Each structure stands twice: as C-alpha cells, then as structure tokens.
Amino acid sequence: MEKAITFEPKCGPCYLGLGWYQVFNRKPRESIAASLQALKLSPADALAINANLAHAYLFDNQFEKAKAIYAENKNRKVPEGDRTFAQTALDDFREFEQAGMTHPDIEKIKALLTTQ
C-alpha cells in the first residue's frame, strides 16, 4: 500500500488499505494517520475508514475516541450486503484475536456494539 501511495499520493482507497494493515502491524498511530488521510481523500468510504480509525484508537489506548466512533456508527448499514457497522467490527475483533491481538478494552466495545 505504501508503494501504491508513492505512485498515486491522492489514492484514498490506498490509505484505507494502509490503515487496515497498520492496525495488524501493531502500528496504531500510523493507522490513525493513514485513516485520517483516507477520510480527506475518499469521504465516500467513511464507514470503512471509521472502522479502521476506531480500531486504531482502541489499540493506541485512546478509548474515548474509539468508543465515540463505534457508538456513532454501530447501527449504520455497510454498503456491501445487509450488515451493520457493529457486525463488521465484531468480525474484525475475531480477526484480531486469531492474529493474537488483544486489548483489555475490546470486551467493553463488544458490549457496546451488542446492546441496543
């Protein structure tokens, strides 16, 4: 993704992808920076970008920022299919767990996402 950005620095989806991969690389601050850039360049992808941003804030110990994004978006429908932001975020948490990534506040966010 970083190489793609060097060729096309205004590629919002590239920053979206970079934000996702940086979470998995355990580089939440880099993910935050990439996600914020993606929001500027590709506002139509805001829901997916906000998921990356919330995850990055969570792993960067910025719980209140993460919680606000999860809470604001949890009931929004994801453009692909008949799923909500909350369902997608919960799937992401399963992926994080499978990759050995944990954080003590994940359970709090799961509770937030599963309540009405």
PDB file of N, CA and C in Angstrom:
ATOM      1  N   MET A   1       0.828  -1.189   0.000  1.00  0.00           N
ATOM      2  CA  MET A   1       0.000   0.000   0.000  1.00  0.00           C
ATOM      3  C   MET A   1       0.873   1.254   0.000  1.00  0.00           C
ATOM      4  N   GLU A   2       1.952   1.206   0.778  1.00  0.00           N
ATOM      5  CA  GLU A   2       2.837   2.375   0.816  1.00  0.00           C
ATOM      6  C   GLU A   2       3.431   2.651  -0.557  1.00  0.00           C
ATOM      7  N   LYS A   3       3.788   1.587  -1.283  1.00  0.00           N
ATOM      8  CA  LYS A   3       4.352   1.767  -2.613  1.00  0.00           C
ATOM      9  C   LYS A   3       3.298   2.340  -3.570  1.00  0.00           C
ATOM     10  N   ALA A   4       2.066   1.852  -3.457  1.00  0.00           N
ATOM     11  CA  ALA A   4       0.992   2.373  -4.306  1.00  0.00           C
ATOM     12  C   ALA A   4       0.788   3.863  -4.048  1.00  0.00           C
ATOM     13  N   ILE A   5       0.896   4.266  -2.790  1.00  0.00           N
ATOM     14  CA  ILE A   5       0.720   5.677  -2.439  1.00  0.00           C
ATOM     15  C   ILE A   5       1.835   6.528  -3.035  1.00  0.00           C
ATOM     16  N   THR A   6       3.040   5.980  -3.149  1.00  0.00           N
ATOM     17  CA  THR A   6       4.125   6.764  -3.760  1.00  0.00           C
ATOM     18  C   THR A   6       3.814   7.050  -5.231  1.00  0.00           C
ATOM     19  N   PHE A   7       3.116   6.116  -5.885  1.00  0.00           N
ATOM     20  CA  PHE A   7       2.757   6.322  -7.288  1.00  0.00           C
ATOM     21  C   PHE A   7       1.501   7.168  -7.451  1.00  0.00           C
ATOM     22  N   GLU A   8       0.589   7.057  -6.484  1.00  0.00           N
ATOM     23  CA  GLU A   8      -0.670   7.801  -6.549  1.00  0.00           C
ATOM     24  C   GLU A   8      -0.982   8.371  -5.161  1.00  0.00           C
ATOM     25  N   PRO A   9      -0.355   9.493  -4.813  1.00  0.00           N
ATOM     26  CA  PRO A   9      -0.486  10.023  -3.459  1.00  0.00           C
ATOM     27  C   PRO A   9      -1.885  10.495  -3.070  1.00  0.00           C
ATOM     28  N   LYS A  10      -2.797  10.610  -4.009  1.00  0.00           N
ATOM     29  CA  LYS A  10      -4.159  11.039  -3.689  1.00  0.00           C
ATOM     30  C   LYS A  10      -5.149   9.874  -3.776  1.00  0.00           C
ATOM     31  N   CYS A  11      -4.640   8.665  -3.572  1.00  0.00           N
ATOM     32  CA  CYS A  11      -5.460   7.453  -3.653  1.00  0.00           C
ATOM     33  C   CYS A  11      -6.069   7.152  -2.280  1.00  0.00           C
ATOM     34  N   GLY A  12      -7.297   7.598  -2.066  1.00  0.00           N
ATOM     35  CA  GLY A  12      -7.978   7.372  -0.799  1.00  0.00           C
ATOM     36  C   GLY A  12      -8.087   5.902  -0.422  1.00  0.00           C
ATOM     37  N   PRO A  13      -8.511   5.031  -1.355  1.00  0.00           N
ATOM     38  CA  PRO A  13      -8.592   3.609  -1.021  1.00  0.00           C
ATOM     39  C   PRO A  13      -7.231   3.005  -0.626  1.00  0.00           C
ATOM     40  N   CYS A  14      -6.158   3.560  -1.156  1.00  0.00           N
ATOM     41  CA  CYS A  14      -4.828   3.080  -0.769  1.00  0.00           C
ATOM     42  C   CYS A  14      -4.556   3.406   0.699  1.00  0.00           C
ATOM     43  N   TYR A  15      -4.937   4.609   1.122  1.00  0.00           N
ATOM     44  CA  TYR A  15      -4.769   4.976   2.526  1.00  0.00           C
ATOM     45  C   TYR A  15      -5.699   4.155   3.416  1.00  0.00           C
ATOM     46  N   LEU A  16      -6.886   3.833   2.918  1.00  0.00           N
ATOM     47  CA  LEU A  16      -7.806   2.970   3.654  1.00  0.00           C
ATOM     48  C   LEU A  16      -7.154   1.610   3.897  1.00  0.00           C
ATOM     49  N   GLY A  17      -6.607   1.028   2.859  1.00  0.00           N
ATOM     50  CA  GLY A  17      -5.917  -0.265   2.994  1.00  0.00           C
ATOM     51  C   GLY A  17      -4.722  -0.177   3.917  1.00  0.00           C
ATOM     52  N   LEU A  18      -3.957   0.888   3.775  1.00  0.00           N
ATOM     53  CA  LEU A  18      -2.786   1.073   4.635  1.00  0.00           C
ATOM     54  C   LEU A  18      -3.210   1.168   6.097  1.00  0.00           C
ATOM     55  N   GLY A  19      -4.288   1.881   6.363  1.00  0.00           N
ATOM     56  CA  GLY A  19      -4.784   1.996   7.735  1.00  0.00           C
ATOM     57  C   GLY A  19      -5.121   0.638   8.321  1.00  0.00           C
ATOM     58  N   TRP A  20      -5.764  -0.213   7.530  1.00  0.00           N
ATOM     59  CA  TRP A  20      -6.121  -1.558   7.973  1.00  0.00           C
ATOM     60  C   TRP A  20      -4.862  -2.376   8.283  1.00  0.00           C
ATOM     61  N   TYR A  21      -3.922  -2.364   7.359  1.00  0.00           N
ATOM     62  CA  TYR A  21      -2.703  -3.164   7.554  1.00  0.00           C
ATOM     63  C   TYR A  21      -1.866  -2.651   8.715  1.00  0.00           C
ATOM     64  N   GLN A  22      -1.872  -1.358   8.945  1.00  0.00           N
ATOM     65  CA  GLN A  22      -1.086  -0.815  10.054  1.00  0.00           C
ATOM     66  C   GLN A  22      -1.662  -1.250  11.403  1.00  0.00           C
ATOM     67  N   VAL A  23      -2.967  -1.439  11.493  1.00  0.00           N
ATOM     68  CA  VAL A  23      -3.540  -1.988  12.728  1.00  0.00           C
ATOM     69  C   VAL A  23      -2.934  -3.369  12.975  1.00  0.00           C
ATOM     70  N   PHE A  24      -2.916  -4.205  11.939  1.00  0.00           N
ATOM     71  CA  PHE A  24      -2.368  -5.561  12.076  1.00  0.00           C
ATOM     72  C   PHE A  24      -0.855  -5.565  12.292  1.00  0.00           C
ATOM     73  N   ASN A  25      -0.184  -4.542  11.831  1.00  0.00           N
ATOM     74  CA  ASN A  25       1.260  -4.418  12.064  1.00  0.00           C
ATOM     75  C   ASN A  25       1.573  -3.854  13.444  1.00  0.00           C
ATOM     76  N   ARG A  26       0.487  -3.651  14.224  1.00  0.00           N
ATOM     77  CA  ARG A  26       0.620  -3.112  15.584  1.00  0.00           C
ATOM     78  C   ARG A  26       1.255  -1.715  15.571  1.00  0.00           C
ATOM     79  N   LYS A  27       0.815  -0.946  14.598  1.00  0.00           N
ATOM     80  CA  LYS A  27       1.247   0.442  14.441  1.00  0.00           C
ATOM     81  C   LYS A  27       0.002   1.330  14.416  1.00  0.00           C
ATOM     82  N   PRO A  28      -0.660   1.459  15.561  1.00  0.00           N
ATOM     83  CA  PRO A  28      -1.933   2.187  15.553  1.00  0.00           C
ATOM     84  C   PRO A  28      -1.800   3.664  15.197  1.00  0.00           C
ATOM     85  N   ARG A  29      -0.717   4.293  15.590  1.00  0.00           N
ATOM     86  CA  ARG A  29      -0.577   5.719  15.256  1.00  0.00           C
ATOM     87  C   ARG A  29      -0.429   5.919  13.755  1.00  0.00           C
ATOM     88  N   GLU A  30       0.295   5.029  13.107  1.00  0.00           N
ATOM     89  CA  GLU A  30       0.419   5.104  11.655  1.00  0.00           C
ATOM     90  C   GLU A  30      -0.926   4.830  10.992  1.00  0.00           C
ATOM     91  N   SER A  31      -1.703   3.918  11.585  1.00  0.00           N
ATOM     92  CA  SER A  31      -3.033   3.624  11.075  1.00  0.00           C
ATOM     93  C   SER A  31      -3.946   4.841  11.203  1.00  0.00           C
ATOM     94  N   ILE A  32      -3.846   5.526  12.337  1.00  0.00           N
ATOM     95  CA  ILE A  32      -4.653   6.743  12.536  1.00  0.00           C
ATOM     96  C   ILE A  32      -4.319   7.775  11.464  1.00  0.00           C
ATOM     97  N   ALA A  33      -3.034   7.994  11.239  1.00  0.00           N
ATOM     98  CA  ALA A  33      -2.610   8.980  10.233  1.00  0.00           C
ATOM     99  C   ALA A  33      -3.108   8.590   8.845  1.00  0.00           C
ATOM    100  N   ALA A  34      -2.964   7.320   8.476  1.00  0.00           N
ATOM    101  CA  ALA A  34      -3.421   6.865   7.163  1.00  0.00           C
ATOM    102  C   ALA A  34      -4.940   6.985   7.048  1.00  0.00           C
ATOM    103  N   SER A  35      -5.646   6.645   8.107  1.00  0.00           N
ATOM    104  CA  SER A  35      -7.106   6.696   8.079  1.00  0.00           C
ATOM    105  C   SER A  35      -7.620   8.129   7.969  1.00  0.00           C
ATOM    106  N   LEU A  36      -6.992   9.035   8.685  1.00  0.00           N
ATOM    107  CA  LEU A  36      -7.400  10.445   8.577  1.00  0.00           C
ATOM    108  C   LEU A  36      -7.156  10.982   7.167  1.00  0.00           C
ATOM    109  N   GLN A  37      -6.052  10.563   6.558  1.00  0.00           N
ATOM    110  CA  GLN A  37      -5.780  10.965   5.177  1.00  0.00           C
ATOM    111  C   GLN A  37      -6.821  10.353   4.238  1.00  0.00           C
ATOM    112  N   ALA A  38      -7.184   9.100   4.480  1.00  0.00           N
ATOM    113  CA  ALA A  38      -8.201   8.437   3.658  1.00  0.00           C
ATOM    114  C   ALA A  38      -9.531   9.179   3.745  1.00  0.00           C
ATOM    115  N   LEU A  39      -9.891   9.644   4.948  1.00  0.00           N
ATOM    116  CA  LEU A  39     -11.142  10.399   5.102  1.00  0.00           C
ATOM    117  C   LEU A  39     -11.143  11.665   4.253  1.00  0.00           C
ATOM    118  N   LYS A  40      -9.996  12.324   4.181  1.00  0.00           N
ATOM    119  CA  LYS A  40      -9.897  13.548   3.361  1.00  0.00           C
ATOM    120  C   LYS A  40     -10.048  13.232   1.878  1.00  0.00           C
ATOM    121  N   LEU A  41      -9.418  12.146   1.443  1.00  0.00           N
ATOM    122  CA  LEU A  41      -9.356  11.836   0.019  1.00  0.00           C
ATOM    123  C   LEU A  41     -10.538  11.019  -0.488  1.00  0.00           C
ATOM    124  N   SER A  42     -11.168  10.276   0.398  1.00  0.00           N
ATOM    125  CA  SER A  42     -12.210   9.357  -0.040  1.00  0.00           C
ATOM    126  C   SER A  42     -13.389   9.353   0.936  1.00  0.00           C
ATOM    127  N   PRO A  43     -14.084  10.488   1.072  1.00  0.00           N
ATOM    128  CA  PRO A  43     -15.172  10.566   2.046  1.00  0.00           C
ATOM    129  C   PRO A  43     -16.308   9.570   1.792  1.00  0.00           C
ATOM    130  N   ALA A  44     -16.437   9.090   0.574  1.00  0.00           N
ATOM    131  CA  ALA A  44     -17.478   8.097   0.280  1.00  0.00           C
ATOM    132  C   ALA A  44     -17.217   6.780   1.007  1.00  0.00           C
ATOM    133  N   ASP A  45     -15.980   6.540   1.408  1.00  0.00           N
ATOM    134  CA  ASP A  45     -15.617   5.321   2.127  1.00  0.00           C
ATOM    135  C   ASP A  45     -15.566   5.538   3.640  1.00  0.00           C
ATOM    136  N   ALA A  46     -16.253   6.568   4.116  1.00  0.00           N
ATOM    137  CA  ALA A  46     -16.139   6.977   5.519  1.00  0.00           C
ATOM    138  C   ALA A  46     -16.468   5.864   6.506  1.00  0.00           C
ATOM    139  N   LEU A  47     -17.435   5.027   6.214  1.00  0.00           N
ATOM    140  CA  LEU A  47     -17.808   3.993   7.174  1.00  0.00           C
ATOM    141  C   LEU A  47     -16.669   2.992   7.376  1.00  0.00           C
ATOM    142  N   ALA A  48     -16.079   2.517   6.305  1.00  0.00           N
ATOM    143  CA  ALA A  48     -14.946   1.590   6.414  1.00  0.00           C
ATOM    144  C   ALA A  48     -13.747   2.268   7.056  1.00  0.00           C
ATOM    145  N   ILE A  49     -13.516   3.509   6.685  1.00  0.00           N
ATOM    146  CA  ILE A  49     -12.391   4.251   7.252  1.00  0.00           C
ATOM    147  C   ILE A  49     -12.601   4.456   8.746  1.00  0.00           C
ATOM    148  N   ASN A  50     -13.826   4.759   9.142  1.00  0.00           N
ATOM    149  CA  ASN A  50     -14.116   4.943  10.562  1.00  0.00           C
ATOM    150  C   ASN A  50     -13.901   3.654  11.352  1.00  0.00           C
ATOM    151  N   ALA A  51     -14.135   2.514  10.749  1.00  0.00           N
ATOM    152  CA  ALA A  51     -13.839   1.247  11.431  1.00  0.00           C
ATOM    153  C   ALA A  51     -12.345   1.148  11.705  1.00  0.00           C
ATOM    154  N   ASN A  52     -11.541   1.407  10.685  1.00  0.00           N
ATOM    155  CA  ASN A  52     -10.081   1.398  10.877  1.00  0.00           C
ATOM    156  C   ASN A  52      -9.674   2.386  11.956  1.00  0.00           C
ATOM    157  N   LEU A  53     -10.239   3.571  11.878  1.00  0.00           N
ATOM    158  CA  LEU A  53      -9.877   4.628  12.816  1.00  0.00           C
ATOM    159  C   LEU A  53     -10.248   4.233  14.246  1.00  0.00           C
ATOM    160  N   ALA A  54     -11.440   3.677  14.432  1.00  0.00           N
ATOM    161  CA  ALA A  54     -11.854   3.245  15.767  1.00  0.00           C
ATOM    162  C   ALA A  54     -10.923   2.158  16.300  1.00  0.00           C
ATOM    163  N   HIS A  55     -10.605   1.184  15.458  1.00  0.00           N
ATOM    164  CA  HIS A  55      -9.701   0.113  15.891  1.00  0.00           C
ATOM    165  C   HIS A  55      -8.332   0.677  16.267  1.00  0.00           C
ATOM    166  N   ALA A  56      -7.838   1.583  15.451  1.00  0.00           N
ATOM    167  CA  ALA A  56      -6.518   2.171  15.720  1.00  0.00           C
ATOM    168  C   ALA A  56      -6.524   2.963  17.021  1.00  0.00           C
ATOM    169  N   TYR A  57      -7.568   3.761  17.244  1.00  0.00           N
ATOM    170  CA  TYR A  57      -7.664   4.492  18.506  1.00  0.00           C
ATOM    171  C   TYR A  57      -7.721   3.522  19.688  1.00  0.00           C
ATOM    172  N   LEU A  58      -8.465   2.445  19.537  1.00  0.00           N
ATOM    173  CA  LEU A  58      -8.568   1.462  20.604  1.00  0.00           C
ATOM    174  C   LEU A  58      -7.188   0.894  20.949  1.00  0.00           C
ATOM    175  N   PHE A  59      -6.460   0.456  19.929  1.00  0.00           N
ATOM    176  CA  PHE A  59      -5.145  -0.142  20.164  1.00  0.00           C
ATOM    177  C   PHE A  59      -4.092   0.893  20.565  1.00  0.00           C
ATOM    178  N   ASP A  60      -4.394   2.166  20.361  1.00  0.00           N
ATOM    179  CA  ASP A  60      -3.487   3.235  20.788  1.00  0.00           C
ATOM    180  C   ASP A  60      -3.883   3.774  22.170  1.00  0.00           C
ATOM    181  N   ASN A  61      -4.765   3.049  22.842  1.00  0.00           N
ATOM    182  CA  ASN A  61      -5.207   3.426  24.193  1.00  0.00           C
ATOM    183  C   ASN A  61      -5.927   4.766  24.246  1.00  0.00           C
ATOM    184  N   GLN A  62      -6.607   5.108  23.159  1.00  0.00           N
ATOM    185  CA  GLN A  62      -7.445   6.302  23.122  1.00  0.00           C
ATOM    186  C   GLN A  62      -8.903   5.839  23.147  1.00  0.00           C
ATOM    187  N   PHE A  63      -9.273   5.237  24.270  1.00  0.00           N
ATOM    188  CA  PHE A  63     -10.562   4.567  24.401  1.00  0.00           C
ATOM    189  C   PHE A  63     -11.747   5.470  24.095  1.00  0.00           C
ATOM    190  N   GLU A  64     -11.757   6.673  24.625  1.00  0.00           N
ATOM    191  CA  GLU A  64     -12.922   7.547  24.437  1.00  0.00           C
ATOM    192  C   GLU A  64     -13.135   7.895  22.964  1.00  0.00           C
ATOM    193  N   LYS A  65     -12.054   8.136  22.234  1.00  0.00           N
ATOM    194  CA  LYS A  65     -12.190   8.424  20.791  1.00  0.00           C
ATOM    195  C   LYS A  65     -12.724   7.195  20.061  1.00  0.00           C
ATOM    196  N   ALA A  66     -12.172   6.038  20.400  1.00  0.00           N
ATOM    197  CA  ALA A  66     -12.624   4.795  19.767  1.00  0.00           C
ATOM    198  C   ALA A  66     -14.098   4.557  20.074  1.00  0.00           C
ATOM    199  N   LYS A  67     -14.456   4.658  21.344  1.00  0.00           N
ATOM    200  CA  LYS A  67     -15.826   4.412  21.771  1.00  0.00           C
ATOM    201  C   LYS A  67     -16.813   5.332  21.054  1.00  0.00           C
ATOM    202  N   ALA A  68     -16.449   6.584  20.895  1.00  0.00           N
ATOM    203  CA  ALA A  68     -17.329   7.542  20.212  1.00  0.00           C
ATOM    204  C   ALA A  68     -17.595   7.122  18.768  1.00  0.00           C
ATOM    205  N   ILE A  69     -16.562   6.664  18.077  1.00  0.00           N
ATOM    206  CA  ILE A  69     -16.734   6.244  16.680  1.00  0.00           C
ATOM    207  C   ILE A  69     -17.587   4.986  16.605  1.00  0.00           C
ATOM    208  N   TYR A  70     -17.286   3.998  17.464  1.00  0.00           N
ATOM    209  CA  TYR A  70     -18.101   2.773  17.472  1.00  0.00           C
ATOM    210  C   TYR A  70     -19.568   3.100  17.761  1.00  0.00           C
ATOM    211  N   ALA A  71     -19.813   3.933  18.776  1.00  0.00           N
ATOM    212  CA  ALA A  71     -21.180   4.259  19.179  1.00  0.00           C
ATOM    213  C   ALA A  71     -21.926   5.017  18.074  1.00  0.00           C
ATOM    214  N   GLU A  72     -21.247   5.955  17.446  1.00  0.00           N
ATOM    215  CA  GLU A  72     -21.885   6.774  16.407  1.00  0.00           C
ATOM    216  C   GLU A  72     -22.275   5.953  15.179  1.00  0.00           C
ATOM    217  N   ASN A  73     -21.497   4.925  14.872  1.00  0.00           N
ATOM    218  CA  ASN A  73     -21.689   4.191  13.626  1.00  0.00           C
ATOM    219  C   ASN A  73     -22.303   2.810  13.776  1.00  0.00           C
ATOM    220  N   LYS A  74     -22.490   2.321  14.990  1.00  0.00           N
ATOM    221  CA  LYS A  74     -22.806   0.909  15.202  1.00  0.00           C
ATOM    222  C   LYS A  74     -24.037   0.410  14.454  1.00  0.00           C
ATOM    223  N   ASN A  75     -25.040   1.228  14.272  1.00  0.00           N
ATOM    224  CA  ASN A  75     -26.264   0.778  13.601  1.00  0.00           C
ATOM    225  C   ASN A  75     -26.321   1.116  12.113  1.00  0.00           C
ATOM    226  N   ARG A  76     -25.288   1.758  11.615  1.00  0.00           N
ATOM    227  CA  ARG A  76     -25.284   2.100  10.183  1.00  0.00           C
ATOM    228  C   ARG A  76     -25.089   0.848   9.341  1.00  0.00           C
ATOM    229  N   LYS A  77     -25.742   0.815   8.212  1.00  0.00           N
ATOM    230  CA  LYS A  77     -25.618  -0.318   7.290  1.00  0.00           C
ATOM    231  C   LYS A  77     -24.358  -0.180   6.456  1.00  0.00           C
ATOM    232  N   VAL A  78     -23.644  -1.265   6.315  1.00  0.00           N
ATOM    233  CA  VAL A  78     -22.457  -1.319   5.466  1.00  0.00           C
ATOM    234  C   VAL A  78     -22.938  -1.437   4.022  1.00  0.00           C
ATOM    235  N   PRO A  79     -22.349  -0.682   3.103  1.00  0.00           N
ATOM    236  CA  PRO A  79     -22.836  -0.705   1.713  1.00  0.00           C
ATOM    237  C   PRO A  79     -22.852  -2.096   1.077  1.00  0.00           C
ATOM    238  N   GLU A  80     -21.888  -2.938   1.429  1.00  0.00           N
ATOM    239  CA  GLU A  80     -21.821  -4.277   0.841  1.00  0.00           C
ATOM    240  C   GLU A  80     -22.650  -5.237   1.689  1.00  0.00           C
ATOM    241  N   GLY A  81     -23.801  -5.630   1.219  1.00  0.00           N
ATOM    242  CA  GLY A  81     -24.617  -6.606   1.930  1.00  0.00           C
ATOM    243  C   GLY A  81     -25.572  -5.983   2.930  1.00  0.00           C
ATOM    244  N   ASP A  82     -26.119  -6.848   3.767  1.00  0.00           N
ATOM    245  CA  ASP A  82     -27.130  -6.410   4.732  1.00  0.00           C
ATOM    246  C   ASP A  82     -26.570  -6.509   6.153  1.00  0.00           C
ATOM    247  N   ARG A  83     -25.425  -5.893   6.375  1.00  0.00           N
ATOM    248  CA  ARG A  83     -24.751  -5.956   7.663  1.00  0.00           C
ATOM    249  C   ARG A  83     -24.618  -4.551   8.240  1.00  0.00           C
ATOM    250  N   THR A  84     -24.408  -4.520   9.517  1.00  0.00           N
ATOM    251  CA  THR A  84     -24.199  -3.231  10.172  1.00  0.00           C
ATOM    252  C   THR A  84     -22.715  -3.045  10.479  1.00  0.00           C
ATOM    253  N   PHE A  85     -22.388  -1.822  10.780  1.00  0.00           N
ATOM    254  CA  PHE A  85     -21.039  -1.480  11.225  1.00  0.00           C
ATOM    255  C   PHE A  85     -20.663  -2.346  12.427  1.00  0.00           C
ATOM    256  N   ALA A  86     -21.591  -2.519  13.369  1.00  0.00           N
ATOM    257  CA  ALA A  86     -21.316  -3.310  14.573  1.00  0.00           C
ATOM    258  C   ALA A  86     -20.952  -4.743  14.216  1.00  0.00           C
ATOM    259  N   GLN A  87     -21.705  -5.362  13.317  1.00  0.00           N
ATOM    260  CA  GLN A  87     -21.412  -6.740  12.919  1.00  0.00           C
ATOM    261  C   GLN A  87     -20.038  -6.847  12.273  1.00  0.00           C
ATOM    262  N   THR A  88     -19.716  -5.879  11.447  1.00  0.00           N
ATOM    263  CA  THR A  88     -18.415  -5.876  10.788  1.00  0.00           C
ATOM    264  C   THR A  88     -17.297  -5.685  11.804  1.00  0.00           C
ATOM    265  N   ALA A  89     -17.488  -4.775  12.751  1.00  0.00           N
ATOM    266  CA  ALA A  89     -16.466  -4.542  13.776  1.00  0.00           C
ATOM    267  C   ALA A  89     -16.263  -5.785  14.628  1.00  0.00           C
ATOM    268  N   LEU A  90     -17.342  -6.484  14.960  1.00  0.00           N
ATOM    269  CA  LEU A  90     -17.213  -7.721  15.735  1.00  0.00           C
ATOM    270  C   LEU A  90     -16.446  -8.784  14.954  1.00  0.00           C
ATOM    271  N   ASP A  91     -16.669  -8.850  13.645  1.00  0.00           N
ATOM    272  CA  ASP A  91     -15.882  -9.761  12.793  1.00  0.00           C
ATOM    273  C   ASP A  91     -14.410  -9.367  12.810  1.00  0.00           C
ATOM    274  N   ASP A  92     -14.153  -8.069  12.767  1.00  0.00           N
ATOM    275  CA  ASP A  92     -12.760  -7.592  12.827  1.00  0.00           C
ATOM    276  C   ASP A  92     -12.107  -8.018  14.137  1.00  0.00           C
ATOM    277  N   PHE A  93     -12.849  -7.938  15.244  1.00  0.00           N
ATOM    278  CA  PHE A  93     -12.295  -8.357  16.534  1.00  0.00           C
ATOM    279  C   PHE A  93     -11.911  -9.835  16.513  1.00  0.00           C
ATOM    280  N   ARG A  94     -12.730 -10.667  15.833  1.00  0.00           N
ATOM    281  CA  ARG A  94     -12.382 -12.084  15.708  1.00  0.00           C
ATOM    282  C   ARG A  94     -11.079 -12.247  14.927  1.00  0.00           C
ATOM    283  N   GLU A  95     -10.919 -11.448  13.873  1.00  0.00           N
ATOM    284  CA  GLU A  95      -9.665 -11.498  13.106  1.00  0.00           C
ATOM    285  C   GLU A  95      -8.481 -11.076  13.963  1.00  0.00           C
ATOM    286  N   PHE A  96      -8.663 -10.040  14.765  1.00  0.00           N
ATOM    287  CA  PHE A  96      -7.589  -9.598  15.649  1.00  0.00           C
ATOM    288  C   PHE A  96      -7.216 -10.708  16.626  1.00  0.00           C
ATOM    289  N   GLU A  97      -8.225 -11.342  17.203  1.00  0.00           N
ATOM    290  CA  GLU A  97      -7.972 -12.414  18.163  1.00  0.00           C
ATOM    291  C   GLU A  97      -7.230 -13.570  17.506  1.00  0.00           C
ATOM    292  N   GLN A  98      -7.620 -13.923  16.274  1.00  0.00           N
ATOM    293  CA  GLN A  98      -6.945 -15.001  15.553  1.00  0.00           C
ATOM    294  C   GLN A  98      -5.496 -14.649  15.260  1.00  0.00           C
ATOM    295  N   ALA A  99      -5.215 -13.352  15.136  1.00  0.00           N
ATOM    296  CA  ALA A  99      -3.848 -12.885  14.883  1.00  0.00           C
ATOM    297  C   ALA A  99      -3.073 -12.677  16.193  1.00  0.00           C
ATOM    298  N   GLY A 100      -3.714 -13.005  17.319  1.00  0.00           N
ATOM    299  CA  GLY A 100      -3.051 -12.848  18.615  1.00  0.00           C
ATOM    300  C   GLY A 100      -3.056 -11.431  19.147  1.00  0.00           C
ATOM    301  N   MET A 101      -3.924 -10.603  18.599  1.00  0.00           N
ATOM    302  CA  MET A 101      -4.010  -9.205  19.021  1.00  0.00           C
ATOM    303  C   MET A 101      -5.119  -9.058  20.043  1.00  0.00           C
ATOM    304  N   THR A 102      -4.773  -8.542  21.201  1.00  0.00           N
ATOM    305  CA  THR A 102      -5.762  -8.334  22.244  1.00  0.00           C
ATOM    306  C   THR A 102      -5.601  -6.939  22.824  1.00  0.00           C
ATOM    307  N   HIS A 103      -6.642  -6.512  23.506  1.00  0.00           N
ATOM    308  CA  HIS A 103      -6.602  -5.246  24.243  1.00  0.00           C
ATOM    309  C   HIS A 103      -7.654  -5.359  25.335  1.00  0.00           C
ATOM    310  N   PRO A 104      -7.346  -4.888  26.531  1.00  0.00           N
ATOM    311  CA  PRO A 104      -8.305  -5.039  27.633  1.00  0.00           C
ATOM    312  C   PRO A 104      -9.652  -4.353  27.407  1.00  0.00           C
ATOM    313  N   ASP A 105      -9.722  -3.368  26.537  1.00  0.00           N
ATOM    314  CA  ASP A 105     -10.979  -2.649  26.313  1.00  0.00           C
ATOM    315  C   ASP A 105     -11.846  -3.251  25.212  1.00  0.00           C
ATOM    316  N   ILE A 106     -11.370  -4.291  24.550  1.00  0.00           N
ATOM    317  CA  ILE A 106     -12.175  -4.899  23.482  1.00  0.00           C
ATOM    318  C   ILE A 106     -13.502  -5.404  24.031  1.00  0.00           C
ATOM    319  N   GLU A 107     -13.492  -5.986  25.210  1.00  0.00           N
ATOM    320  CA  GLU A 107     -14.744  -6.505  25.782  1.00  0.00           C
ATOM    321  C   GLU A 107     -15.747  -5.379  26.025  1.00  0.00           C
ATOM    322  N   LYS A 108     -15.272  -4.214  26.424  1.00  0.00           N
ATOM    323  CA  LYS A 108     -16.178  -3.070  26.629  1.00  0.00           C
ATOM    324  C   LYS A 108     -16.812  -2.653  25.300  1.00  0.00           C
ATOM    325  N   ILE A 109     -16.010  -2.654  24.247  1.00  0.00           N
ATOM    326  CA  ILE A 109     -16.528  -2.264  22.932  1.00  0.00           C
ATOM    327  C   ILE A 109     -17.490  -3.328  22.413  1.00  0.00           C
ATOM    328  N   LYS A 110     -17.170  -4.595  22.625  1.00  0.00           N
ATOM    329  CA  LYS A 110     -18.106  -5.659  22.218  1.00  0.00           C
ATOM    330  C   LYS A 110     -19.454  -5.465  22.900  1.00  0.00           C
ATOM    331  N   ALA A 111     -19.432  -5.141  24.180  1.00  0.00           N
ATOM    332  CA  ALA A 111     -20.679  -4.913  24.915  1.00  0.00           C
ATOM    333  C   ALA A 111     -21.451  -3.733  24.321  1.00  0.00           C
ATOM    334  N   LEU A 112     -20.738  -2.668  23.995  1.00  0.00           N
ATOM    335  CA  LEU A 112     -21.373  -1.508  23.384  1.00  0.00           C
ATOM    336  C   LEU A 112     -22.014  -1.869  22.050  1.00  0.00           C
ATOM    337  N   LEU A 113     -21.307  -2.654  21.249  1.00  0.00           N
ATOM    338  CA  LEU A 113     -21.791  -2.994  19.909  1.00  0.00           C
ATOM    339  C   LEU A 113     -22.937  -3.987  19.924  1.00  0.00           C
ATOM    340  N   THR A 114     -23.104  -4.728  21.000  1.00  0.00           N
ATOM    341  CA  THR A 114     -24.150  -5.756  21.030  1.00  0.00           C
ATOM    342  C   THR A 114     -25.388  -5.337  21.820  1.00  0.00           C
ATOM    343  N   THR A 115     -25.383  -4.120  22.363  1.00  0.00           N
ATOM    344  CA  THR A 115     -26.565  -3.633  23.052  1.00  0.00           C
ATOM    345  C   THR A 115     -27.361  -2.713  22.127  1.00  0.00           C
ATOM    346  N   GLN A 116     -28.656  -2.655  22.375  1.00  0.00           N
ATOM    347  CA  GLN A 116     -29.494  -1.760  21.579  1.00  0.00           C
ATOM    348  C   GLN A 116     -29.353  -0.393  22.122  1.00  0.00           C
TER     349      GLN A 116
END
